[in-house]
Protein backbone atom coordinates (compact mmCIF):
# COMPACT_ATOMS: atom_id res chain seq x y z
CA SER A 1 2.12 -14.91 3.71
CA LEU A 2 -0.47 -12.15 4.40
CA ALA A 3 2.26 -9.98 6.08
CA VAL A 4 4.73 -8.18 3.93
CA ASN A 5 7.35 -5.37 4.14
CA LEU A 6 6.67 -2.61 1.65
CA ASP A 7 9.78 -1.07 0.34
CA LEU A 8 9.17 2.83 -0.11
CA ASP A 9 10.97 6.02 -1.33
CA ILE A 10 9.05 8.98 0.08
CA ARG A 11 10.31 12.42 -0.33
CA ASP A 12 9.36 16.02 -0.14
CA GLU A 13 10.84 17.93 -3.22
CA GLY A 14 10.01 21.31 -1.44
CA PRO A 15 11.81 23.01 1.27
CA ALA A 16 9.61 22.27 4.15
CA GLY A 17 10.59 18.56 4.64
CA LEU A 18 8.25 15.57 5.42
CA ALA A 19 6.29 15.46 8.52
CA SER A 20 4.39 12.27 7.98
CA ALA A 21 3.43 9.55 5.60
CA GLN A 22 0.60 6.85 5.61
CA VAL A 23 -0.45 4.02 3.40
CA TRP A 24 -3.92 3.99 2.40
CA VAL A 25 -5.63 0.52 1.30
CA SER A 26 -8.48 -0.23 -1.03
CA GLN A 27 -10.04 -3.83 -1.01
CA ASP A 28 -12.50 -3.03 -3.63
CA ASP A 29 -10.38 -1.86 -6.59
CA GLY A 30 -10.42 1.95 -5.64
CA VAL A 31 -13.96 2.40 -4.81
CA SER A 32 -13.36 2.96 -1.25
CA TRP A 33 -10.33 3.57 0.66
CA SER A 34 -9.18 3.23 4.34
CA GLN A 35 -6.13 4.35 6.29
CA GLY A 36 -3.36 1.85 6.88
CA PRO A 37 -0.08 1.82 8.60
CA VAL A 38 1.95 5.03 9.37
CA VAL A 39 5.33 5.03 7.68
CA ALA A 40 7.86 5.91 10.26
CA ASP A 41 11.15 6.00 8.22
CA TYR A 42 9.91 6.72 4.66
CA LYS A 43 11.82 3.73 3.33
CA THR A 44 9.91 0.70 4.53
CA VAL A 45 6.67 -0.24 6.29
CA ALA A 46 5.24 -3.68 7.61
CA TRP A 47 1.66 -4.33 6.51
CA LYS A 48 -0.62 -7.26 6.80
CA ALA A 49 -3.43 -7.99 4.39
CA PRO A 50 -6.57 -9.00 6.52
CA VAL A 51 -7.45 -11.89 4.02
CA ASP A 52 -6.39 -13.22 0.72
CA GLY A 53 -7.28 -10.79 -2.00
CA ARG A 54 -6.36 -8.11 -4.26
CA TYR A 55 -5.32 -4.78 -2.79
CA ARG A 56 -4.58 -1.19 -4.12
CA LEU A 57 -2.13 0.64 -1.97
CA ALA A 58 -1.44 4.26 -2.08
CA VAL A 59 0.69 6.87 0.09
CA VAL A 60 -0.50 9.99 1.48
CA ALA A 61 2.22 12.28 2.84
CA GLU A 62 2.26 15.66 4.46
CA ASP A 63 5.16 18.11 4.72
CA LYS A 64 5.93 20.24 7.79
CA ALA A 65 4.12 23.27 6.29
CA LYS A 66 0.89 21.11 6.41
CA ASN A 67 0.66 20.55 2.66
CA GLN A 68 -0.91 17.02 2.02
CA SER A 69 -0.76 14.90 -1.00
CA ALA A 70 -4.15 14.08 -2.54
CA LEU A 71 -6.15 11.39 -0.80
CA PRO A 72 -6.58 8.36 -2.99
CA LYS A 73 -9.74 7.84 -4.79
CA GLY A 74 -10.67 5.57 -7.84
CA ARG A 75 -7.78 3.88 -9.56
CA SER A 76 -4.64 5.82 -10.77
CA ASP A 77 -1.09 5.17 -12.00
CA ASP A 78 0.50 6.44 -8.65
CA GLN A 79 -1.15 3.41 -6.67
CA PHE A 80 0.31 -0.11 -6.28
CA LEU A 81 -1.50 -3.31 -6.81
CA LEU A 82 -0.82 -6.30 -4.36
CA ILE A 83 -2.38 -9.75 -4.60
CA ALA A 84 -2.26 -11.69 -1.04
CA ASP A 85 -2.64 -15.40 -1.88
CA THR A 86 -2.03 -17.87 0.84
CA THR A 87 -3.78 -20.92 -0.86
CA ALA A 88 -1.27 -23.57 -1.81
CA PRO A 89 -1.33 -24.58 -5.51
CA LEU A 90 -3.19 -27.81 -6.43
CA THR A 91 -0.93 -30.59 -7.70
CA TYR A 92 -2.18 -33.42 -9.94
CA CYS A 93 -0.53 -36.63 -10.79
CA PHE A 94 -1.11 -37.85 -14.39
CA THR A 95 -0.59 -41.30 -15.32
CA SER A 96 -0.90 -42.90 -18.89
């Protein structure tokens, strides 16, 4: 399925508290990024890949003092890789 629920654990370690969080998506292995769904409860968010493919996902959060985590760029260890593949596997029948 192209639709998935992403399990998240988004926290603010500082005193301000979280104000918002949003998933960002790259379809070209980190070359370019676009805004994805807003995360309402900081634990899970529904997301649907537009087509089969390989996606990089990152979370950008902002606290109530307006401090924002870095916008994603390139590839890094704090991103997630997701592969959407809705094509059924081929089956072969071998006879001897």
